[in-house]
N, C-alpha and C. Protein backbone atom coordinates (compact mmCIF):
# COMPACT_ATOMS: atom_id res chain seq x y z
N MET A 1 -17.26 0.96 2.23
CA MET A 1 -16.13 0.54 1.44
C MET A 1 -15.33 1.79 1.07
N ILE A 2 -14.00 1.61 1.00
CA ILE A 2 -13.11 2.71 0.64
C ILE A 2 -12.03 2.16 -0.30
N VAL A 3 -11.70 2.94 -1.32
CA VAL A 3 -10.65 2.56 -2.26
C VAL A 3 -9.41 3.40 -1.94
N LEU A 4 -8.31 2.71 -1.71
CA LEU A 4 -7.07 3.39 -1.33
C LEU A 4 -6.20 3.64 -2.55
N ASP A 5 -5.67 4.83 -2.64
CA ASP A 5 -4.77 5.23 -3.70
C ASP A 5 -3.37 4.66 -3.45
N THR A 6 -2.57 4.61 -4.50
CA THR A 6 -1.20 4.09 -4.40
C THR A 6 -0.39 4.81 -3.33
N SER A 7 -0.49 6.12 -3.28
CA SER A 7 0.27 6.88 -2.28
C SER A 7 -0.12 6.48 -0.86
N VAL A 8 -1.40 6.32 -0.64
CA VAL A 8 -1.88 5.95 0.70
C VAL A 8 -1.37 4.57 1.09
N VAL A 9 -1.46 3.61 0.19
CA VAL A 9 -0.97 2.26 0.48
C VAL A 9 0.53 2.30 0.74
N SER A 10 1.23 3.12 -0.03
CA SER A 10 2.67 3.26 0.17
C SER A 10 2.98 3.82 1.55
N TYR A 11 2.23 4.84 1.98
CA TYR A 11 2.43 5.41 3.32
C TYR A 11 2.23 4.33 4.39
N ILE A 12 1.18 3.55 4.22
CA ILE A 12 0.87 2.51 5.21
C ILE A 12 1.97 1.46 5.22
N PHE A 13 2.37 1.02 4.05
CA PHE A 13 3.39 -0.04 3.96
C PHE A 13 4.73 0.42 4.54
N LYS A 14 5.07 1.68 4.33
CA LYS A 14 6.34 2.22 4.82
C LYS A 14 6.26 2.70 6.27
N LYS A 15 5.05 2.60 6.87
CA LYS A 15 4.82 3.09 8.23
C LYS A 15 5.14 4.58 8.34
N ASP A 16 4.80 5.31 7.30
CA ASP A 16 4.98 6.76 7.23
C ASP A 16 3.95 7.42 8.15
N SER A 17 4.33 8.50 8.80
CA SER A 17 3.42 9.19 9.72
C SER A 17 2.16 9.71 9.01
N ARG A 18 2.23 9.97 7.72
CA ARG A 18 1.06 10.45 6.97
C ARG A 18 -0.02 9.39 6.86
N ALA A 19 0.32 8.13 7.11
CA ALA A 19 -0.65 7.04 7.01
C ALA A 19 -1.72 7.11 8.09
N LEU A 20 -1.41 7.69 9.22
CA LEU A 20 -2.33 7.71 10.36
C LEU A 20 -3.69 8.29 9.99
N PHE A 21 -3.70 9.41 9.31
CA PHE A 21 -4.96 10.03 8.90
C PHE A 21 -5.80 9.06 8.08
N TYR A 22 -5.17 8.42 7.11
CA TYR A 22 -5.90 7.51 6.21
C TYR A 22 -6.35 6.24 6.93
N LEU A 23 -5.54 5.76 7.84
CA LEU A 23 -5.93 4.59 8.62
C LEU A 23 -7.15 4.90 9.48
N GLN A 24 -7.20 6.11 10.03
CA GLN A 24 -8.36 6.53 10.82
C GLN A 24 -9.61 6.60 9.95
N GLN A 25 -9.47 7.11 8.72
CA GLN A 25 -10.61 7.22 7.81
C GLN A 25 -11.10 5.85 7.37
N ALA A 26 -10.19 4.90 7.24
CA ALA A 26 -10.54 3.56 6.76
C ALA A 26 -11.00 2.63 7.88
N HIS A 27 -10.80 3.02 9.12
CA HIS A 27 -11.13 2.16 10.25
C HIS A 27 -12.58 1.66 10.19
N GLY A 28 -12.75 0.37 10.28
CA GLY A 28 -14.08 -0.24 10.28
C GLY A 28 -14.71 -0.36 8.91
N ARG A 29 -13.98 0.01 7.88
CA ARG A 29 -14.51 -0.06 6.52
C ARG A 29 -13.69 -1.06 5.71
N ARG A 30 -14.31 -1.65 4.74
CA ARG A 30 -13.61 -2.56 3.84
C ARG A 30 -12.73 -1.71 2.92
N ALA A 31 -11.44 -1.98 2.91
CA ALA A 31 -10.50 -1.22 2.09
C ALA A 31 -10.10 -2.05 0.87
N LEU A 32 -10.13 -1.40 -0.28
CA LEU A 32 -9.77 -2.04 -1.54
C LEU A 32 -8.73 -1.20 -2.25
N ILE A 33 -8.00 -1.85 -3.18
CA ILE A 33 -7.11 -1.12 -4.08
C ILE A 33 -7.46 -1.52 -5.50
N SER A 34 -7.16 -0.65 -6.44
CA SER A 34 -7.41 -0.95 -7.85
C SER A 34 -6.27 -1.79 -8.41
N PHE A 35 -6.53 -2.38 -9.58
CA PHE A 35 -5.46 -3.16 -10.22
C PHE A 35 -4.30 -2.24 -10.58
N GLN A 36 -4.58 -0.97 -10.89
CA GLN A 36 -3.52 -0.02 -11.22
C GLN A 36 -2.62 0.22 -10.02
N THR A 37 -3.21 0.37 -8.85
CA THR A 37 -2.43 0.55 -7.63
C THR A 37 -1.56 -0.67 -7.38
N LEU A 38 -2.11 -1.86 -7.54
CA LEU A 38 -1.33 -3.08 -7.36
C LEU A 38 -0.12 -3.10 -8.29
N GLU A 39 -0.34 -2.76 -9.55
CA GLU A 39 0.76 -2.75 -10.51
C GLU A 39 1.79 -1.68 -10.19
N GLU A 40 1.34 -0.52 -9.73
CA GLU A 40 2.28 0.54 -9.36
C GLU A 40 3.13 0.14 -8.17
N LEU A 41 2.53 -0.55 -7.21
CA LEU A 41 3.29 -1.03 -6.06
C LEU A 41 4.34 -2.05 -6.48
N TRP A 42 3.96 -2.99 -7.35
CA TRP A 42 4.92 -4.00 -7.82
C TRP A 42 6.01 -3.37 -8.69
N HIS A 43 5.64 -2.38 -9.46
CA HIS A 43 6.63 -1.67 -10.28
C HIS A 43 7.67 -1.02 -9.37
N GLY A 44 7.19 -0.36 -8.32
CA GLY A 44 8.11 0.26 -7.36
C GLY A 44 8.99 -0.75 -6.66
N ALA A 45 8.43 -1.90 -6.34
CA ALA A 45 9.21 -2.95 -5.68
C ALA A 45 10.29 -3.49 -6.61
N TYR A 46 9.94 -3.71 -7.85
CA TYR A 46 10.89 -4.26 -8.82
C TYR A 46 12.03 -3.27 -9.09
N PHE A 47 11.67 -2.03 -9.42
CA PHE A 47 12.70 -1.05 -9.76
C PHE A 47 13.37 -0.47 -8.52
N GLY A 48 12.80 -0.70 -7.35
CA GLY A 48 13.42 -0.27 -6.11
C GLY A 48 14.40 -1.29 -5.56
N GLY A 49 14.51 -2.42 -6.23
CA GLY A 49 15.45 -3.45 -5.81
C GLY A 49 15.08 -4.13 -4.50
N TRP A 50 13.78 -4.25 -4.25
CA TRP A 50 13.34 -4.89 -3.01
C TRP A 50 13.80 -6.33 -2.95
N GLY A 51 14.11 -6.78 -1.76
CA GLY A 51 14.50 -8.17 -1.54
C GLY A 51 13.28 -9.08 -1.43
N HIS A 52 13.56 -10.37 -1.32
CA HIS A 52 12.51 -11.38 -1.26
C HIS A 52 11.55 -11.15 -0.09
N LYS A 53 12.10 -10.85 1.08
CA LYS A 53 11.27 -10.68 2.28
C LYS A 53 10.27 -9.54 2.11
N ARG A 54 10.74 -8.41 1.63
CA ARG A 54 9.85 -7.25 1.48
C ARG A 54 8.80 -7.48 0.39
N LYS A 55 9.18 -8.15 -0.70
CA LYS A 55 8.22 -8.49 -1.75
C LYS A 55 7.17 -9.44 -1.20
N HIS A 56 7.59 -10.36 -0.35
CA HIS A 56 6.65 -11.29 0.28
C HIS A 56 5.65 -10.53 1.16
N GLU A 57 6.13 -9.54 1.89
CA GLU A 57 5.23 -8.73 2.72
C GLU A 57 4.22 -7.98 1.85
N LEU A 58 4.66 -7.49 0.72
CA LEU A 58 3.76 -6.78 -0.20
C LEU A 58 2.70 -7.73 -0.76
N ALA A 59 3.09 -8.94 -1.04
CA ALA A 59 2.17 -9.93 -1.61
C ALA A 59 1.11 -10.35 -0.61
N ASN A 60 1.45 -10.26 0.67
CA ASN A 60 0.49 -10.69 1.68
C ASN A 60 -0.14 -9.50 2.30
């Protein structure tokens, strides 16, 4: 099991090149996020003016 930090989840969601390292480390392992990470992601979505489609992608 591996717990992903907000920055790592953000890299993955944005398809940032820095995500590759973390995706390799998480491969084959159960990945989790904390409730704090979830709230930070939603905070960024709200104050970033994300549209319905992108918020839906974050929710799923």
